[in-house]
Amino acid sequence: MMMEKNDNAALKLADFGLARTYEREDDLFETSCGTPIYMAPEIQKGEAYSDKSDIWSLGIILYEMLVGQPPFTGRNKAELFQNIERGIY
């Protein structure tokens, strides 16, 4: 099957004004925002975090794309956080 070229396709990216830049490679951040299901454990605990937390979130998204559902779930936010912290998927 041959794919047709679509000149009307558009790709939009947004950071909702939440993007941060690192001044130094070892910078740590403490502010928290985002969807809990994609947050790394250290962000959920309110601890300082680095760019490694972004890799965690990317892994969650890739898992969800491949499997069709997120790796961690819960009946409520507290149970979700508990399952992420314990690695129960």
C-alpha atoms as a PDB file:
ATOM      1  CA  MET A   1       0.000   0.000   0.000  1.00  0.00           C
ATOM      2  CA  MET A   2       1.457   3.339  -1.030  1.00  0.00           C
ATOM      3  CA  MET A   3       1.081   6.305   1.327  1.00  0.00           C
ATOM      4  CA  GLU A   4       0.009   9.609  -0.167  1.00  0.00           C
ATOM      5  CA  LYS A   5       1.835  12.806   0.688  1.00  0.00           C
ATOM      6  CA  ASN A   6      -0.224  15.125   2.873  1.00  0.00           C
ATOM      7  CA  ASP A   7       0.908  18.747   2.593  1.00  0.00           C
ATOM      8  CA  ASN A   8      -1.724  19.824   5.134  1.00  0.00           C
ATOM      9  CA  ALA A   9      -0.246  17.832   8.029  1.00  0.00           C
ATOM     10  CA  ALA A  10       0.826  19.902  11.014  1.00  0.00           C
ATOM     11  CA  LEU A  11       2.825  19.041  14.097  1.00  0.00           C
ATOM     12  CA  LYS A  12       2.312  21.199  17.152  1.00  0.00           C
ATOM     13  CA  LEU A  13       4.440  21.091  20.279  1.00  0.00           C
ATOM     14  CA  ALA A  14       3.638  22.853  23.521  1.00  0.00           C
ATOM     15  CA  ASP A  15       5.271  23.088  26.905  1.00  0.00           C
ATOM     16  CA  PHE A  16       2.472  25.112  28.556  1.00  0.00           C
ATOM     17  CA  GLY A  17       5.106  27.486  29.909  1.00  0.00           C
ATOM     18  CA  LEU A  18       6.497  24.798  32.201  1.00  0.00           C
ATOM     19  CA  ALA A  19       9.801  24.082  30.445  1.00  0.00           C
ATOM     20  CA  ARG A  20      12.953  24.557  32.494  1.00  0.00           C
ATOM     21  CA  THR A  21      16.571  24.952  31.448  1.00  0.00           C
ATOM     22  CA  TYR A  22      19.598  23.641  33.265  1.00  0.00           C
ATOM     23  CA  GLU A  23      22.312  26.146  34.044  1.00  0.00           C
ATOM     24  CA  ARG A  24      24.717  23.387  35.085  1.00  0.00           C
ATOM     25  CA  GLU A  25      24.677  19.675  34.402  1.00  0.00           C
ATOM     26  CA  ASP A  26      24.240  18.846  38.099  1.00  0.00           C
ATOM     27  CA  ASP A  27      21.257  21.204  38.675  1.00  0.00           C
ATOM     28  CA  LEU A  28      18.340  19.810  40.658  1.00  0.00           C
ATOM     29  CA  PHE A  29      14.789  21.163  40.633  1.00  0.00           C
ATOM     30  CA  GLU A  30      12.113  21.093  43.310  1.00  0.00           C
ATOM     31  CA  THR A  31       8.936  22.358  41.627  1.00  0.00           C
ATOM     32  CA  SER A  32       6.307  19.811  40.663  1.00  0.00           C
ATOM     33  CA  CYS A  33       3.792  19.864  37.845  1.00  0.00           C
ATOM     34  CA  GLY A  34       2.404  17.269  35.495  1.00  0.00           C
ATOM     35  CA  THR A  35       0.193  14.230  35.305  1.00  0.00           C
ATOM     36  CA  PRO A  36       0.794  11.899  38.279  1.00  0.00           C
ATOM     37  CA  ILE A  37       0.811   8.724  36.189  1.00  0.00           C
ATOM     38  CA  TYR A  38       3.939   9.936  34.329  1.00  0.00           C
ATOM     39  CA  MET A  39       5.809  11.415  37.321  1.00  0.00           C
ATOM     40  CA  ALA A  40       9.009   9.862  38.588  1.00  0.00           C
ATOM     41  CA  PRO A  41       8.938   8.717  42.241  1.00  0.00           C
ATOM     42  CA  GLU A  42      11.236  11.524  43.419  1.00  0.00           C
ATOM     43  CA  ILE A  43       8.884  14.161  42.001  1.00  0.00           C
ATOM     44  CA  GLN A  44       5.888  12.531  43.681  1.00  0.00           C
ATOM     45  CA  LYS A  45       7.728  12.573  47.008  1.00  0.00           C
ATOM     46  CA  GLY A  46       8.529  16.269  46.622  1.00  0.00           C
ATOM     47  CA  GLU A  47      12.270  15.607  46.480  1.00  0.00           C
ATOM     48  CA  ALA A  48      14.791  17.398  44.288  1.00  0.00           C
ATOM     49  CA  TYR A  49      15.069  15.884  40.820  1.00  0.00           C
ATOM     50  CA  SER A  50      17.170  16.110  37.666  1.00  0.00           C
ATOM     51  CA  ASP A  51      16.857  15.334  33.978  1.00  0.00           C
ATOM     52  CA  LYS A  52      16.733  11.625  34.869  1.00  0.00           C
ATOM     53  CA  SER A  53      13.091  12.167  35.830  1.00  0.00           C
ATOM     54  CA  ASP A  54      12.396  13.118  32.213  1.00  0.00           C
ATOM     55  CA  ILE A  55      13.832   9.767  31.113  1.00  0.00           C
ATOM     56  CA  TRP A  56      11.448   8.045  33.563  1.00  0.00           C
ATOM     57  CA  SER A  57       8.473   9.872  32.043  1.00  0.00           C
ATOM     58  CA  LEU A  58       9.620   9.042  28.520  1.00  0.00           C
ATOM     59  CA  GLY A  59       9.852   5.367  29.509  1.00  0.00           C
ATOM     60  CA  ILE A  60       6.291   5.446  30.857  1.00  0.00           C
ATOM     61  CA  ILE A  61       5.055   6.998  27.603  1.00  0.00           C
ATOM     62  CA  LEU A  62       6.928   4.451  25.452  1.00  0.00           C
ATOM     63  CA  TYR A  63       5.555   1.585  27.546  1.00  0.00           C
ATOM     64  CA  GLU A  64       2.038   2.918  27.134  1.00  0.00           C
ATOM     65  CA  MET A  65       2.507   3.280  23.372  1.00  0.00           C
ATOM     66  CA  LEU A  66       3.752  -0.310  23.040  1.00  0.00           C
ATOM     67  CA  VAL A  67       1.373  -2.058  25.445  1.00  0.00           C
ATOM     68  CA  GLY A  68      -1.694   0.144  25.161  1.00  0.00           C
ATOM     69  CA  GLN A  69      -1.999   0.983  28.844  1.00  0.00           C
ATOM     70  CA  PRO A  70       0.223   2.642  31.451  1.00  0.00           C
ATOM     71  CA  PRO A  71       2.448   0.387  33.566  1.00  0.00           C
ATOM     72  CA  PHE A  72       1.231   1.793  36.878  1.00  0.00           C
ATOM     73  CA  THR A  73      -2.378   2.230  37.936  1.00  0.00           C
ATOM     74  CA  GLY A  74      -4.354   2.697  41.110  1.00  0.00           C
ATOM     75  CA  ARG A  75      -7.894   3.261  42.321  1.00  0.00           C
ATOM     76  CA  ASN A  76      -6.849   6.706  43.572  1.00  0.00           C
ATOM     77  CA  LYS A  77      -3.835   9.010  43.577  1.00  0.00           C
ATOM     78  CA  ALA A  78      -2.422   7.587  46.822  1.00  0.00           C
ATOM     79  CA  GLU A  79      -2.579   4.010  45.525  1.00  0.00           C
ATOM     80  CA  LEU A  80      -1.025   5.073  42.219  1.00  0.00           C
ATOM     81  CA  PHE A  81       1.892   6.734  44.030  1.00  0.00           C
ATOM     82  CA  GLN A  82       2.311   3.679  46.234  1.00  0.00           C
ATOM     83  CA  ASN A  83       2.418   1.329  43.222  1.00  0.00           C
ATOM     84  CA  ILE A  84       4.991   3.524  41.449  1.00  0.00           C
ATOM     85  CA  GLU A  85       7.180   3.756  44.534  1.00  0.00           C
ATOM     86  CA  ARG A  86       7.058  -0.015  45.117  1.00  0.00           C
ATOM     87  CA  GLY A  87       7.458  -0.865  41.431  1.00  0.00           C
ATOM     88  CA  ILE A  88       4.136  -2.731  41.283  1.00  0.00           C
ATOM     89  CA  TYR A  89       2.984  -2.788  37.668  1.00  0.00           C
END
